[in-house]
Structures are given as C-alpha cells and as structure tokens.
C-alpha atoms as a PDB file:
ATOM      1  CA  UNK A   1     137.307  66.110  83.743  1.00  0.00           C
ATOM      2  CA  UNK A   2     133.801  66.483  82.349  1.00  0.00           C
ATOM      3  CA  UNK A   3     131.633  63.393  82.298  1.00  0.00           C
ATOM      4  CA  UNK A   4     129.108  62.890  79.503  1.00  0.00           C
ATOM      5  CA  UNK A   5     125.643  62.163  80.847  1.00  0.00           C
ATOM      6  CA  UNK A   6     122.148  61.840  79.429  1.00  0.00           C
ATOM      7  CA  UNK A   7     119.171  63.347  81.166  1.00  0.00           C
ATOM      8  CA  UNK A   8     115.522  63.379  80.248  1.00  0.00           C
ATOM      9  CA  UNK A   9     113.352  66.471  80.587  1.00  0.00           C
ATOM     10  CA  UNK A  10     109.657  66.236  79.735  1.00  0.00           C
ATOM     11  CA  UNK A  11     110.243  63.101  77.682  1.00  0.00           C
ATOM     12  CA  UNK A  12     113.120  64.563  75.642  1.00  0.00           C
ATOM     13  CA  UNK A  13     116.635  63.182  76.122  1.00  0.00           C
ATOM     14  CA  UNK A  14     119.624  65.529  76.285  1.00  0.00           C
ATOM     15  CA  UNK A  15     123.335  64.757  76.203  1.00  0.00           C
ATOM     16  CA  UNK A  16     125.219  67.021  78.580  1.00  0.00           C
ATOM     17  CA  UNK A  17     128.571  67.255  80.308  1.00  0.00           C
ATOM     18  CA  UNK A  18     128.890  67.375  84.080  1.00  0.00           C
ATOM     19  CA  UNK A  19     132.046  68.830  85.607  1.00  0.00           C
ATOM     20  CA  UNK A  20     131.831  66.753  88.780  1.00  0.00           C
ATOM     21  CA  UNK A  21     129.732  64.038  90.413  1.00  0.00           C
ATOM     22  CA  UNK A  22     127.995  66.734  92.478  1.00  0.00           C
ATOM     23  CA  UNK A  23     127.084  68.708  89.350  1.00  0.00           C
ATOM     24  CA  UNK A  24     125.804  65.511  87.740  1.00  0.00           C
ATOM     25  CA  UNK A  25     123.635  64.815  90.783  1.00  0.00           C
ATOM     26  CA  UNK A  26     122.251  68.361  90.705  1.00  0.00           C
ATOM     27  CA  UNK A  27     121.581  68.181  86.970  1.00  0.00           C
ATOM     28  CA  UNK A  28     119.632  64.957  87.419  1.00  0.00           C
ATOM     29  CA  UNK A  29     117.636  66.379  90.325  1.00  0.00           C
ATOM     30  CA  UNK A  30     116.888  69.554  88.355  1.00  0.00           C
ATOM     31  CA  UNK A  31     115.764  67.563  85.307  1.00  0.00           C
ATOM     32  CA  UNK A  32     113.483  65.469  87.506  1.00  0.00           C
ATOM     33  CA  UNK A  33     112.029  68.569  89.165  1.00  0.00           C
ATOM     34  CA  UNK A  34     111.335  70.289  85.848  1.00  0.00           C
ATOM     35  CA  UNK A  35     109.795  67.117  84.398  1.00  0.00           C
ATOM     36  CA  UNK A  36     107.451  66.775  87.376  1.00  0.00           C
ATOM     37  CA  UNK A  37     106.356  70.397  87.029  1.00  0.00           C
ATOM     38  CA  UNK A  38     105.736  69.912  83.306  1.00  0.00           C
ATOM     39  CA  UNK A  39     103.579  66.870  84.134  1.00  0.00           C
ATOM     40  CA  UNK A  40     101.491  69.013  86.490  1.00  0.00           C
ATOM     41  CA  UNK A  41     101.115  71.734  83.871  1.00  0.00           C
ATOM     42  CA  UNK A  42     100.326  69.097  81.247  1.00  0.00           C
ATOM     43  CA  UNK A  43      97.368  67.890  83.302  1.00  0.00           C
ATOM     44  CA  UNK A  44      96.156  71.436  84.045  1.00  0.00           C
ATOM     45  CA  UNK A  45      96.777  72.946  80.625  1.00  0.00           C
ATOM     46  CA  UNK A  46      96.504  70.102  78.131  1.00  0.00           C
ATOM     47  CA  UNK A  47      95.599  72.582  75.391  1.00  0.00           C
ATOM     48  CA  UNK A  48      98.885  74.520  75.773  1.00  0.00           C
ATOM     49  CA  UNK A  49     102.063  73.775  73.842  1.00  0.00           C
ATOM     50  CA  UNK A  50     105.047  72.018  75.382  1.00  0.00           C
ATOM     51  CA  UNK A  51     106.981  75.288  75.040  1.00  0.00           C
ATOM     52  CA  UNK A  52     104.368  77.014  77.214  1.00  0.00           C
ATOM     53  CA  UNK A  53     104.519  74.241  79.814  1.00  0.00           C
ATOM     54  CA  UNK A  54     108.320  74.391  79.886  1.00  0.00           C
ATOM     55  CA  UNK A  55     108.130  78.181  80.223  1.00  0.00           C
ATOM     56  CA  UNK A  56     105.747  77.801  83.188  1.00  0.00           C
ATOM     57  CA  UNK A  57     108.132  75.278  84.767  1.00  0.00           C
ATOM     58  CA  UNK A  58     111.114  77.593  84.195  1.00  0.00           C
ATOM     59  CA  UNK A  59     109.214  80.513  85.709  1.00  0.00           C
ATOM     60  CA  UNK A  60     108.243  78.398  88.711  1.00  0.00           C
ATOM     61  CA  UNK A  61     111.855  77.302  89.239  1.00  0.00           C
ATOM     62  CA  UNK A  62     113.122  80.884  88.902  1.00  0.00           C
ATOM     63  CA  UNK A  63     110.565  82.123  91.435  1.00  0.00           C
ATOM     64  CA  UNK A  64     111.690  79.409  93.861  1.00  0.00           C
ATOM     65  CA  UNK A  65     115.349  80.323  93.382  1.00  0.00           C
ATOM     66  CA  UNK A  66     114.693  84.041  93.848  1.00  0.00           C
ATOM     67  CA  UNK A  67     112.622  83.349  96.952  1.00  0.00           C
ATOM     68  CA  UNK A  68     115.432  81.249  98.441  1.00  0.00           C
ATOM     69  CA  UNK A  69     117.989  83.924  97.560  1.00  0.00           C
ATOM     70  CA  UNK A  70     115.862  86.581  99.254  1.00  0.00           C
ATOM     71  CA  UNK A  71     115.542  84.447 102.397  1.00  0.00           C
ATOM     72  CA  UNK A  72     119.272  83.735 102.359  1.00  0.00           C
ATOM     73  CA  UNK A  73     120.069  87.454 102.040  1.00  0.00           C
ATOM     74  CA  UNK A  74     117.759  88.223 104.975  1.00  0.00           C
ATOM     75  CA  UNK A  75     119.423  85.495 107.068  1.00  0.00           C
ATOM     76  CA  UNK A  76     122.874  86.820 106.180  1.00  0.00           C
ATOM     77  CA  UNK A  77     121.852  90.333 107.171  1.00  0.00           C
ATOM     78  CA  UNK A  78     120.446  89.058 110.471  1.00  0.00           C
ATOM     79  CA  UNK A  79     123.702  87.144 111.054  1.00  0.00           C
ATOM     80  CA  UNK A  80     125.724  90.300 110.363  1.00  0.00           C
ATOM     81  CA  UNK A  81     123.623  92.285 112.842  1.00  0.00           C
ATOM     82  CA  UNK A  82     123.925  89.594 115.517  1.00  0.00           C
ATOM     83  CA  UNK A  83     127.683  89.477 114.990  1.00  0.00           C
ATOM     84  CA  UNK A  84     127.930  93.256 115.425  1.00  0.00           C
ATOM     85  CA  UNK A  85     125.792  93.141 118.570  1.00  0.00           C
ATOM     86  CA  UNK A  86     127.922  90.335 119.988  1.00  0.00           C
ATOM     87  CA  UNK A  87     131.114  92.276 119.259  1.00  0.00           C
ATOM     88  CA  UNK A  88     129.722  95.390 120.978  1.00  0.00           C
ATOM     89  CA  UNK A  89     128.616  93.335 123.965  1.00  0.00           C
ATOM     90  CA  UNK A  90     132.041  91.714 124.299  1.00  0.00           C
ATOM     91  CA  UNK A  91     133.840  95.055 123.949  1.00  0.00           C
ATOM     92  CA  UNK A  92     131.679  96.590 126.666  1.00  0.00           C
ATOM     93  CA  UNK A  93     132.211  93.673 129.040  1.00  0.00           C
ATOM     94  CA  UNK A  94     135.967  93.561 128.550  1.00  0.00           C
ATOM     95  CA  UNK A  95     136.198  96.982 130.162  1.00  0.00           C
ATOM     96  CA  UNK A  96     134.650  95.776 133.397  1.00  0.00           C
END
C-alpha cells in the first residue's frame, strides 16, 4: 500500500506517495541530493532563476546515473567474458 509522505526540494514541499519503505528512503535521499546541488548552484549562479538551478541539478543527476549505467554495463560485459573463459577452461580440463 502506498504511503503518503512529504519531501522538501530546494525549499518547496511536495506531497508524494511511496510504494514501499525502500522507495520512501530513496525518495528522501534523492530530494536531499537535489537540494544540496541546488544550494551549490545557488551560490555559484545567484543571478539565475530557480528553474535554471533545478535544471542544472537534474542534468547533473542524469549525468551521474548515465555514468553509473555505463560502468555497470562494462562490468556486466566483463563478467560475461570471464564466465565464458571459465566455461572454456573447465571444458578443456574435463577432457584430461
């Protein structure tokens, strides 16, 4: 069952629904991360609008996610190759 929660992002409060305690935890961590990034952009770009600062934070988060996904894909590919090499090694040694 969804749980109603309130989170704050860049000083603005939002009412949301979390499908599980884990999702709630992740939502709160994400809101905190975005808020911290907006604070950094606020100090660097005080003349920019809040929409711009939120866009910068969203872009930064998306870049981080894409970077992690790329690293994960590379690790999965390396795992697949190692698995294939291990299988070949075991097949060759079973014949001995």
